């Protein structure tokens, strides 16, 4: 069976952890949980969630820069790809490979 779950946001991860616990599953003993970070949620879950943090302020800045540059150039039709680095914030909801629960 599955040993880990990645959830799109921490609010849903909180619901998932509650449901897993109601089924008698241990987090991270039976199942590891990682979520995309929602500020303020991850530390209010037991165990605290391991999460992936996105650079939201930088994303907003780059989006504005892109829109402004496209308005100035008149070239709004070409797609653009921007790769920004995410950060893994390790907390207690993940069991490391090889460790016993």
Protein backbone atom coordinates (compact mmCIF):
# COMPACT_ATOMS: atom_id res chain seq x y z
CA UNK A 1 0.00 0.00 0.00
CA UNK A 2 0.85 3.66 -0.01
CA UNK A 3 3.42 4.91 2.49
CA UNK A 4 3.05 8.65 1.81
CA UNK A 5 0.51 11.21 0.64
CA UNK A 6 1.10 14.64 -0.92
CA UNK A 7 -1.84 16.99 -0.37
CA UNK A 8 -2.42 20.17 -2.40
CA UNK A 9 -2.89 22.44 0.65
CA UNK A 10 -2.53 22.21 4.39
CA UNK A 11 -6.23 22.72 5.08
CA UNK A 12 -7.02 19.54 3.19
CA UNK A 13 -4.00 17.86 4.77
CA UNK A 14 -5.48 18.64 8.19
CA UNK A 15 -8.72 16.93 7.12
CA UNK A 16 -6.71 14.00 5.75
CA UNK A 17 -4.74 13.58 8.99
CA UNK A 18 -7.96 13.65 11.04
CA UNK A 19 -9.55 11.03 8.76
CA UNK A 20 -6.45 8.81 8.85
CA UNK A 21 -6.35 8.98 12.65
CA UNK A 22 -10.06 8.12 12.84
CA UNK A 23 -9.21 4.95 10.90
CA UNK A 24 -6.52 4.09 13.43
CA UNK A 25 -3.56 5.10 11.25
CA UNK A 26 -0.49 6.71 12.78
CA UNK A 27 1.11 9.76 11.17
CA UNK A 28 4.02 9.29 10.34
CA UNK A 29 4.24 5.69 11.62
CA UNK A 30 1.81 4.21 9.07
CA UNK A 31 1.63 7.07 6.59
CA UNK A 32 3.75 10.15 5.86
CA UNK A 33 1.96 13.39 4.92
CA UNK A 34 3.40 16.37 3.01
CA UNK A 35 1.42 19.41 1.90
CA UNK A 36 1.85 22.66 0.03
CA UNK A 37 2.29 25.29 2.73
CA UNK A 38 -0.61 27.45 3.85
CA UNK A 39 0.80 29.99 6.31
CA UNK A 40 -0.38 29.38 9.85
CA UNK A 41 -1.80 25.87 9.41
CA UNK A 42 1.12 23.43 9.51
CA UNK A 43 2.05 24.03 13.14
CA UNK A 44 -1.53 23.57 14.37
CA UNK A 45 -1.73 19.95 13.24
CA UNK A 46 -0.54 17.05 15.34
CA UNK A 47 2.02 16.06 14.26
CA UNK A 48 3.20 19.33 12.67
CA UNK A 49 3.10 18.95 8.87
CA UNK A 50 6.10 18.70 6.61
CA UNK A 51 5.35 21.18 3.86
CA UNK A 52 6.58 22.71 0.64
CA UNK A 53 6.86 26.48 0.85
CA UNK A 54 6.45 28.55 -2.28
CA UNK A 55 8.04 32.00 -2.66
CA UNK A 56 4.68 33.80 -2.90
CA UNK A 57 6.03 37.36 -2.73
CA UNK A 58 8.59 36.60 -5.43
CA UNK A 59 5.90 34.92 -7.56
CA UNK A 60 3.74 38.04 -7.33
CA UNK A 61 6.70 40.30 -8.14
CA UNK A 62 7.66 38.23 -11.20
CA UNK A 63 4.04 38.15 -12.42
CA UNK A 64 3.77 41.94 -12.21
CA UNK A 65 7.13 42.32 -13.99
CA UNK A 66 5.95 40.01 -16.76
CA UNK A 67 2.64 41.85 -17.24
CA UNK A 68 4.35 45.25 -17.27
CA UNK A 69 6.98 44.09 -19.78
CA UNK A 70 4.29 42.64 -22.05
CA UNK A 71 2.23 45.81 -21.92
CA UNK A 72 5.31 47.84 -22.79
CA UNK A 73 6.35 45.59 -25.68
CA UNK A 74 2.87 44.94 -27.07
CA UNK A 75 3.77 41.23 -27.24
CA UNK A 76 1.20 39.61 -24.99
CA UNK A 77 0.83 36.36 -26.89
CA UNK A 78 4.07 34.47 -26.24
CA UNK A 79 3.97 32.08 -23.29
CA UNK A 80 6.60 32.49 -20.61
CA UNK A 81 8.01 29.99 -18.14
CA UNK A 82 9.48 31.08 -14.85
CA UNK A 83 11.04 28.52 -12.53
CA UNK A 84 11.19 29.52 -8.90
CA UNK A 85 12.70 27.44 -6.15
CA UNK A 86 10.45 25.92 -3.49
CA UNK A 87 11.64 25.00 -0.01
CA UNK A 88 10.93 21.75 1.82
CA UNK A 89 10.19 22.44 5.49
CA UNK A 90 10.73 19.19 7.34
CA UNK A 91 8.55 18.68 10.38
CA UNK A 92 7.16 15.62 12.13
CA UNK A 93 4.61 14.23 9.64
CA UNK A 94 7.16 12.29 7.56
CA UNK A 95 9.00 9.12 8.52
CA UNK A 96 12.42 8.88 6.93
CA UNK A 97 13.12 5.78 4.83
CA UNK A 98 14.68 3.01 6.85
CA UNK A 99 13.41 4.28 10.21
CA UNK A 100 11.00 2.16 12.17
CA UNK A 101 7.68 3.77 13.14
